[in-house]
Amino acid sequence: MPNVVFFSFKEQDREVVLTIKGRAVNLRYSALNFRVQDLLKRWQTENESVIKQAISKSISGTSRTIVFVGADTWSSYWVPHEV
């Protein structure tokens, strides 16, 4: 059974993360033995309780968290809460 991995990423890196996610379920990439869970829906809010609740719900049941680090990940409002 594959691991369930939570992906944390900045919005501008979404396409790369979706590519990795797609390969993880593609049988031709058998070395990528994991299922991806992420917070694909983003809200235009800085309400910390709303953000933390959404993150907690998405991260529940995962075995690992992968932080996709791009050029501007440091400026993300979400990533620090996910980590």
Protein backbone atom coordinates (compact mmCIF):
# COMPACT_ATOMS: atom_id res chain seq x y z
CA MET A 1 0.00 0.00 0.00
CA PRO A 2 1.44 3.39 -0.92
CA ASN A 3 2.20 6.12 1.53
CA VAL A 4 -0.19 9.04 1.69
CA VAL A 5 1.77 12.24 1.20
CA PHE A 6 0.63 15.80 1.85
CA PHE A 7 2.09 18.32 -0.60
CA SER A 8 2.71 21.85 0.62
CA PHE A 9 3.41 24.36 -2.14
CA LYS A 10 3.04 27.93 -3.30
CA GLU A 11 0.29 28.57 -5.84
CA GLN A 12 2.70 29.47 -8.65
CA ASP A 13 4.18 25.94 -8.40
CA ARG A 14 0.79 24.23 -8.79
CA GLU A 15 1.46 22.89 -12.32
CA VAL A 16 4.70 21.16 -11.28
CA VAL A 17 3.01 19.65 -8.23
CA LEU A 18 0.11 18.42 -10.40
CA THR A 19 2.63 16.78 -12.74
CA ILE A 20 4.26 14.96 -9.83
CA LYS A 21 0.85 13.98 -8.52
CA GLY A 22 -0.11 12.58 -11.92
CA ARG A 23 3.07 10.56 -12.18
CA ALA A 24 2.55 9.10 -8.72
CA VAL A 25 -0.60 7.35 -9.96
CA ASN A 26 0.85 6.42 -13.37
CA LEU A 27 1.92 2.75 -13.49
CA ARG A 28 4.92 3.67 -15.68
CA TYR A 29 6.42 5.49 -12.68
CA SER A 30 6.39 2.56 -10.28
CA ALA A 31 9.18 4.06 -8.13
CA LEU A 32 6.76 6.81 -7.10
CA ASN A 33 4.80 4.66 -4.70
CA PHE A 34 2.62 7.23 -2.94
CA ARG A 35 -0.80 8.79 -3.03
CA VAL A 36 -0.98 12.58 -2.87
CA GLN A 37 -3.24 14.58 -0.65
CA ASP A 38 -3.10 18.35 -0.81
CA LEU A 39 -5.05 21.50 -0.23
CA LEU A 40 -5.88 22.31 -3.84
CA LYS A 41 -8.61 24.76 -2.96
CA ARG A 42 -7.16 28.06 -1.76
CA TRP A 43 -9.19 30.78 -0.12
CA GLN A 44 -8.59 34.48 -0.24
CA THR A 45 -8.40 34.82 3.51
CA GLU A 46 -5.87 35.45 6.18
CA ASN A 47 -8.21 34.17 8.89
CA GLU A 48 -5.83 31.89 10.72
CA SER A 49 -8.53 29.64 12.17
CA VAL A 50 -10.08 29.00 8.73
CA ILE A 51 -6.66 28.20 7.29
CA LYS A 52 -5.64 25.92 10.14
CA GLN A 53 -8.95 24.04 9.98
CA ALA A 54 -8.61 23.45 6.22
CA ILE A 55 -5.01 22.30 6.62
CA SER A 56 -5.83 19.97 9.52
CA LYS A 57 -8.62 18.35 7.54
CA SER A 58 -6.40 17.82 4.48
CA ILE A 59 -3.33 16.61 6.36
CA SER A 60 -5.25 14.13 8.50
CA GLY A 61 -4.35 10.54 7.65
CA THR A 62 -1.15 11.37 5.78
CA SER A 63 2.15 9.68 6.56
CA ARG A 64 4.50 12.37 5.25
CA THR A 65 4.59 16.01 4.24
CA ILE A 66 6.58 17.17 1.24
CA VAL A 67 7.26 20.88 0.95
CA PHE A 68 7.77 21.85 -2.67
CA VAL A 69 10.29 24.69 -2.51
CA GLY A 70 10.21 27.15 -5.36
CA ALA A 71 11.69 30.61 -5.84
CA ASP A 72 9.03 32.36 -3.72
CA THR A 73 7.91 29.67 -1.28
CA TRP A 74 9.24 31.78 1.58
CA SER A 75 6.54 34.37 0.89
CA SER A 76 3.61 31.95 1.10
CA TYR A 77 1.02 32.57 3.78
CA TRP A 78 -0.12 28.94 3.69
CA VAL A 79 3.13 26.97 3.66
CA PRO A 80 4.25 27.93 7.21
CA HIS A 81 0.89 26.77 8.55
CA GLU A 82 1.11 23.51 6.61
CA VAL A 83 4.63 22.81 7.82
